[in-house]
N, C-alpha and C. Protein backbone atom coordinates (compact mmCIF):
# COMPACT_ATOMS: atom_id res chain seq x y z
N UNK A 1 -59.39 -11.37 28.33
CA UNK A 1 -59.26 -11.06 27.26
C UNK A 1 -60.77 -9.91 26.87
N UNK A 2 -60.34 -8.99 26.00
CA UNK A 2 -61.50 -8.32 25.74
C UNK A 2 -61.67 -8.87 24.46
N UNK A 3 -63.15 -8.75 24.29
CA UNK A 3 -63.80 -9.20 23.12
C UNK A 3 -63.60 -7.97 21.95
N UNK A 4 -63.02 -8.47 20.69
CA UNK A 4 -63.05 -7.71 19.69
C UNK A 4 -64.24 -7.15 18.89
N UNK A 5 -64.58 -6.10 18.56
CA UNK A 5 -65.64 -5.37 18.06
C UNK A 5 -65.53 -5.60 16.57
N UNK A 6 -66.62 -6.22 15.74
CA UNK A 6 -66.57 -6.25 14.56
C UNK A 6 -67.48 -5.22 13.83
N UNK A 7 -67.62 -5.18 12.43
CA UNK A 7 -68.57 -4.34 11.61
C UNK A 7 -69.79 -4.53 12.24
N UNK A 8 -70.08 -5.85 12.48
CA UNK A 8 -71.79 -6.56 12.66
C UNK A 8 -71.94 -5.49 13.93
N UNK A 9 -71.16 -5.35 15.02
CA UNK A 9 -71.35 -4.70 16.42
C UNK A 9 -71.97 -3.20 16.02
N UNK A 10 -71.64 -2.56 15.67
CA UNK A 10 -71.92 -1.22 14.89
C UNK A 10 -73.12 -1.25 14.05
N UNK A 11 -73.42 -2.34 13.12
CA UNK A 11 -74.48 -2.19 12.74
C UNK A 11 -75.88 -2.58 12.92
N UNK A 12 -75.45 -3.36 14.27
CA UNK A 12 -76.88 -3.63 15.06
C UNK A 12 -77.63 -3.00 15.41
N UNK A 13 -78.81 -3.26 16.09
CA UNK A 13 -79.71 -2.08 16.54
C UNK A 13 -79.58 -1.83 17.99
N UNK A 14 -79.14 -2.65 18.73
CA UNK A 14 -78.67 -2.67 19.89
C UNK A 14 -77.44 -1.69 20.09
N UNK A 15 -76.65 -1.39 19.45
CA UNK A 15 -75.68 -0.12 19.52
C UNK A 15 -76.29 0.92 18.86
N UNK A 16 -77.40 1.23 18.32
CA UNK A 16 -77.92 2.58 18.22
C UNK A 16 -79.27 2.44 19.23
N UNK A 17 -78.98 2.19 20.16
CA UNK A 17 -80.23 2.44 21.08
C UNK A 17 -80.36 3.82 21.60
N UNK A 18 -81.62 3.88 22.31
CA UNK A 18 -81.82 5.61 22.54
C UNK A 18 -80.90 6.12 23.56
N UNK A 19 -80.49 4.67 24.19
CA UNK A 19 -79.24 5.29 25.21
C UNK A 19 -78.19 5.69 24.91
N UNK A 20 -77.70 4.96 23.46
CA UNK A 20 -76.39 5.40 23.15
C UNK A 20 -76.42 6.84 22.66
N UNK A 21 -77.70 7.18 21.79
CA UNK A 21 -77.86 8.68 21.25
C UNK A 21 -78.09 9.35 22.41
N UNK A 22 -79.02 9.04 23.17
CA UNK A 22 -79.10 10.16 24.37
C UNK A 22 -77.75 10.68 24.77
N UNK A 23 -76.57 9.58 24.88
CA UNK A 23 -75.72 10.15 25.65
C UNK A 23 -74.57 10.75 24.65
N UNK A 24 -75.16 10.69 23.43
CA UNK A 24 -74.20 11.83 22.56
C UNK A 24 -75.16 12.81 21.98
N UNK A 25 -75.94 12.92 22.39
CA UNK A 25 -76.88 13.84 22.11
C UNK A 25 -75.95 15.44 21.57
N UNK A 26 -75.55 15.56 22.33
CA UNK A 26 -74.54 17.31 21.69
C UNK A 26 -74.17 16.75 20.60
N UNK A 27 -73.19 15.56 20.77
CA UNK A 27 -72.63 15.18 19.13
C UNK A 27 -73.60 15.03 17.94
N UNK A 28 -74.58 14.64 18.38
CA UNK A 28 -75.50 14.33 17.00
C UNK A 28 -76.10 15.96 16.67
N UNK A 29 -76.74 16.83 17.80
CA UNK A 29 -77.05 18.25 17.27
C UNK A 29 -75.73 18.77 16.62
N UNK A 30 -74.51 18.75 17.14
CA UNK A 30 -73.53 19.46 16.19
C UNK A 30 -73.47 18.97 15.18
N UNK A 31 -73.71 17.80 14.70
CA UNK A 31 -73.80 17.21 13.30
C UNK A 31 -74.91 17.66 12.36
N UNK A 32 -76.22 17.91 13.25
CA UNK A 32 -77.36 18.56 12.56
C UNK A 32 -76.83 19.85 12.23
N UNK A 33 -76.23 20.63 12.85
CA UNK A 33 -75.75 22.03 12.80
C UNK A 33 -75.01 22.00 11.62
N UNK A 34 -73.76 21.48 11.46
CA UNK A 34 -73.01 21.61 10.38
C UNK A 34 -73.55 20.79 9.42
N UNK A 35 -74.56 19.99 9.13
CA UNK A 35 -75.29 19.70 7.97
C UNK A 35 -76.26 21.10 7.45
N UNK A 36 -77.24 21.80 8.37
CA UNK A 36 -77.37 22.66 7.99
C UNK A 36 -76.56 24.34 7.27
N UNK A 37 -75.33 23.96 7.93
CA UNK A 37 -74.63 25.18 7.59
C UNK A 37 -74.07 24.88 6.02
N UNK A 38 -73.93 23.42 5.63
CA UNK A 38 -73.27 23.03 4.76
C UNK A 38 -74.55 23.24 3.41
N UNK A 39 -75.35 23.03 3.46
CA UNK A 39 -76.88 23.21 2.66
C UNK A 39 -76.76 24.90 2.64
N UNK A 40 -77.17 25.63 4.12
CA UNK A 40 -76.79 26.99 3.39
C UNK A 40 -76.06 27.53 2.91
N UNK A 41 -74.89 26.81 3.00
CA UNK A 41 -73.68 27.48 1.91
C UNK A 41 -73.77 26.91 0.66
N UNK A 42 -74.08 25.96 0.54
CA UNK A 42 -74.68 25.49 -1.21
C UNK A 42 -75.48 26.33 -1.86
N UNK A 43 -76.30 26.64 -1.18
CA UNK A 43 -77.45 27.63 -1.51
C UNK A 43 -76.81 28.76 -1.88
N UNK A 44 -76.14 29.47 -1.08
CA UNK A 44 -75.72 30.91 -1.14
C UNK A 44 -74.33 30.94 -2.29
N UNK A 45 -73.46 29.33 -2.52
CA UNK A 45 -72.85 29.73 -3.67
C UNK A 45 -73.48 29.60 -4.72
N UNK A 46 -74.93 28.81 -5.05
CA UNK A 46 -75.41 28.45 -6.37
C UNK A 46 -76.18 29.94 -6.74
N UNK A 47 -76.41 31.09 -5.71
CA UNK A 47 -77.22 32.12 -5.83
C UNK A 47 -76.00 32.91 -6.79
N UNK A 48 -74.86 32.92 -6.04
CA UNK A 48 -73.62 33.95 -6.19
C UNK A 48 -73.35 33.27 -7.91
N UNK A 49 -73.53 31.85 -7.86
CA UNK A 49 -72.83 31.78 -9.54
C UNK A 49 -74.11 32.19 -10.58
N UNK A 50 -75.32 31.85 -10.01
CA UNK A 50 -76.54 32.77 -10.92
C UNK A 50 -76.17 34.01 -11.06
N UNK A 51 -75.89 34.98 -10.10
CA UNK A 51 -75.61 36.57 -10.05
C UNK A 51 -74.91 36.80 -11.08
N UNK A 52 -73.35 36.02 -10.69
CA UNK A 52 -72.46 36.40 -11.64
C UNK A 52 -72.68 35.98 -13.52
N UNK A 53 -73.41 35.06 -13.62
CA UNK A 53 -73.66 34.44 -14.88
C UNK A 53 -74.74 35.76 -15.42
N UNK A 54 -75.70 36.08 -14.63
CA UNK A 54 -76.17 37.45 -14.95
C UNK A 54 -75.54 38.67 -15.40
N UNK A 55 -74.47 38.85 -14.67
CA UNK A 55 -73.89 40.00 -14.63
C UNK A 55 -72.72 39.78 -15.67
N UNK A 56 -72.34 38.56 -15.98
CA UNK A 56 -71.39 38.51 -17.29
C UNK A 56 -72.37 38.70 -18.59
N UNK A 57 -73.46 38.35 -18.60
CA UNK A 57 -74.34 38.27 -19.88
C UNK A 57 -74.68 39.86 -19.88
N UNK A 58 -75.14 40.74 -19.00
CA UNK A 58 -75.41 42.08 -18.86
C UNK A 58 -74.03 42.86 -19.50
N UNK A 59 -72.77 42.35 -18.68
CA UNK A 59 -71.59 42.95 -19.37
C UNK A 59 -71.35 42.57 -20.95
N UNK A 60 -71.48 41.52 -21.58
CA UNK A 60 -71.44 41.26 -22.91
C UNK A 60 -72.33 42.18 -23.57
N UNK A 61 -73.63 42.21 -23.06
CA UNK A 61 -74.30 43.31 -23.60
C UNK A 61 -73.72 44.83 -23.71
N UNK A 62 -73.70 45.13 -22.94
CA UNK A 62 -73.03 46.56 -22.73
C UNK A 62 -71.50 46.86 -23.67
N UNK A 63 -70.73 46.16 -23.43
CA UNK A 63 -69.57 45.82 -24.38
C UNK A 63 -69.74 45.79 -25.85
N UNK A 64 -71.37 45.38 -26.38
CA UNK A 64 -71.48 45.23 -27.77
C UNK A 64 -72.29 46.69 -27.78
N UNK A 65 -72.79 47.24 -26.91
CA UNK A 65 -73.58 48.60 -27.22
C UNK A 65 -72.60 49.54 -27.43
N UNK A 66 -71.41 49.20 -26.58
CA UNK A 66 -70.33 50.45 -26.39
C UNK A 66 -69.62 50.43 -27.75
N UNK A 67 -69.25 49.25 -28.10
CA UNK A 67 -68.34 49.30 -29.16
C UNK A 67 -69.33 49.46 -30.83
N UNK A 68 -70.79 49.32 -30.63
CA UNK A 68 -71.58 49.73 -31.82
C UNK A 68 -71.63 51.38 -31.80
N UNK A 69 -71.60 52.19 -30.34
CA UNK A 69 -71.85 53.22 -30.29
C UNK A 69 -70.28 54.11 -30.92
N UNK A 70 -69.36 53.50 -30.42
CA UNK A 70 -68.03 53.79 -30.98
C UNK A 70 -67.63 53.79 -32.54
N UNK A 71 -68.20 52.63 -32.88
CA UNK A 71 -68.07 52.64 -34.55
C UNK A 71 -68.98 53.52 -35.13
N UNK A 72 -69.97 53.87 -34.48
CA UNK A 72 -70.86 54.75 -35.20
C UNK A 72 -70.32 56.05 -34.92
N UNK A 73 -69.79 56.71 -33.77
CA UNK A 73 -69.13 57.87 -33.53
C UNK A 73 -68.09 58.11 -34.33
N UNK A 74 -67.16 56.82 -34.69
CA UNK A 74 -65.88 56.93 -35.56
C UNK A 74 -66.58 57.18 -37.13
N UNK A 75 -67.78 56.98 -37.40
CA UNK A 75 -68.29 56.99 -39.17
C UNK A 75 -68.46 58.35 -38.87
N UNK A 76 -69.09 58.98 -37.82
CA UNK A 76 -69.87 60.18 -37.75
C UNK A 76 -68.66 61.52 -37.91
N UNK A 77 -67.52 61.14 -37.13
CA UNK A 77 -66.58 62.02 -37.35
C UNK A 77 -65.64 62.11 -38.44
N UNK A 78 -65.98 61.42 -39.44
CA UNK A 78 -64.92 61.63 -40.56
C UNK A 78 -65.40 62.85 -41.09
N UNK A 79 -64.37 63.44 -41.95
CA UNK A 79 -64.09 64.92 -42.64
C UNK A 79 -65.31 64.87 -43.71
N UNK A 80 -66.00 63.85 -44.18
CA UNK A 80 -66.48 63.92 -45.15
C UNK A 80 -68.23 63.92 -44.47
N UNK A 81 -68.37 63.39 -43.45
CA UNK A 81 -69.88 63.35 -42.89
C UNK A 81 -70.04 64.68 -42.26
N UNK A 82 -68.70 65.15 -41.59
CA UNK A 82 -68.85 66.20 -40.80
C UNK A 82 -69.40 67.55 -41.91
N UNK A 83 -68.58 67.44 -43.11
CA UNK A 83 -68.82 68.76 -44.01
C UNK A 83 -70.16 68.20 -44.59
N UNK A 84 -70.58 67.13 -44.68
CA UNK A 84 -72.16 67.35 -45.70
C UNK A 84 -73.14 67.52 -44.31
N UNK A 85 -73.16 67.46 -43.19
CA UNK A 85 -73.68 67.70 -41.94
C UNK A 85 -73.87 69.25 -41.87
N UNK A 86 -72.50 70.17 -41.83
CA UNK A 86 -72.63 71.52 -41.65
C UNK A 86 -72.75 72.55 -42.94
N UNK A 87 -72.68 71.53 -43.93
CA UNK A 87 -73.46 71.82 -45.08
C UNK A 87 -74.75 73.01 -45.22
N UNK A 88 -75.54 72.39 -44.68
CA UNK A 88 -77.01 72.95 -44.57
C UNK A 88 -76.86 74.48 -43.69
N UNK A 89 -75.83 74.38 -42.88
CA UNK A 89 -75.86 75.92 -41.99
C UNK A 89 -74.97 76.85 -42.51
N UNK A 90 -74.48 76.54 -43.74
CA UNK A 90 -73.81 77.64 -44.43
C UNK A 90 -72.21 77.39 -44.41
N UNK A 91 -72.00 76.64 -43.84
CA UNK A 91 -70.44 76.12 -43.78
C UNK A 91 -70.16 75.23 -44.80
N UNK A 92 -68.44 75.32 -45.09
CA UNK A 92 -68.06 75.03 -46.02
C UNK A 92 -66.57 74.71 -45.88
N UNK A 93 -66.00 73.48 -46.09
CA UNK A 93 -64.36 73.08 -46.22
C UNK A 93 -63.96 74.08 -46.72
N UNK A 94 -62.43 74.39 -45.72
CA UNK A 94 -61.65 75.07 -46.71
C UNK A 94 -60.75 74.98 -47.78
N UNK A 95 -60.77 75.80 -48.64
CA UNK A 95 -60.11 75.25 -50.09
C UNK A 95 -58.71 76.01 -50.33
N UNK A 96 -59.14 77.21 -49.72
CA UNK A 96 -57.43 77.98 -50.57
C UNK A 96 -56.67 77.71 -49.08
N UNK A 97 -55.61 78.66 -49.02
CA UNK A 97 -54.64 78.59 -48.13
C UNK A 97 -54.76 79.78 -46.91
N UNK A 98 -54.32 79.13 -45.79
CA UNK A 98 -55.12 79.87 -44.55
C UNK A 98 -54.29 80.96 -44.42
N UNK A 99 -55.42 81.96 -43.92
CA UNK A 99 -54.51 83.33 -43.53
C UNK A 99 -54.52 83.82 -42.34
N UNK A 100 -53.41 84.51 -41.90
CA UNK A 100 -52.80 84.47 -40.86
C UNK A 100 -52.96 85.89 -40.28
N UNK A 101 -53.93 86.16 -39.36
CA UNK A 101 -54.11 87.33 -38.76
C UNK A 101 -52.89 87.84 -37.65
N UNK A 102 -52.51 88.90 -38.22
CA UNK A 102 -51.20 89.37 -37.07
C UNK A 102 -52.07 90.69 -36.43
N UNK A 103 -51.63 90.99 -35.20
CA UNK A 103 -51.82 92.00 -34.11
C UNK A 103 -50.46 92.50 -33.74
N UNK A 104 -50.64 94.19 -34.21
CA UNK A 104 -49.31 94.72 -33.39
C UNK A 104 -48.94 94.34 -32.11
N UNK A 105 -47.76 94.76 -31.55
CA UNK A 105 -47.24 94.30 -30.31
C UNK A 105 -48.02 94.80 -29.25
N UNK A 106 -48.30 96.65 -29.44
CA UNK A 106 -49.13 97.37 -28.34
C UNK A 106 -50.29 97.30 -28.58
N UNK A 107 -51.20 97.03 -29.14
CA UNK A 107 -52.38 96.91 -29.58
C UNK A 107 -53.47 96.50 -28.82
N UNK A 108 -52.92 95.24 -28.14
CA UNK A 108 -53.86 94.59 -27.40
C UNK A 108 -53.09 93.81 -25.89
N UNK A 109 -53.47 94.10 -25.16
CA UNK A 109 -52.99 93.82 -23.80
C UNK A 109 -53.82 92.98 -22.45
N UNK A 110 -53.42 91.97 -22.34
CA UNK A 110 -54.18 91.01 -21.28
C UNK A 110 -54.91 92.43 -20.08
N UNK A 111 -54.18 93.46 -19.52
CA UNK A 111 -54.68 94.14 -18.26
C UNK A 111 -55.47 95.13 -18.88
N UNK A 112 -55.96 95.37 -20.27
CA UNK A 112 -57.17 96.29 -20.60
C UNK A 112 -58.52 95.84 -19.87
């Protein structure tokens, strides 16, 4: 009858002898490779997270800048602001009724 191996067999120094490790060297090297891939993957993920946070912060700042420019543009486009700025050049707002310019039908042609 075969002897049943217990937990103590796997924890003993005889089980982890050099002969056992050399017999399974390829598997040990594979585990080492997987460990290195796992560590490299976690470093890459951390770097990507830091870059995403930096870009989100920059995006938020750009959004604030855009909103302030948009607000300033809307203020400067008000009729009173435009009238005040062009008053220096001699322009003034229309106060009376509009005048319509009428051109006779044969006086102007596109082919001239």
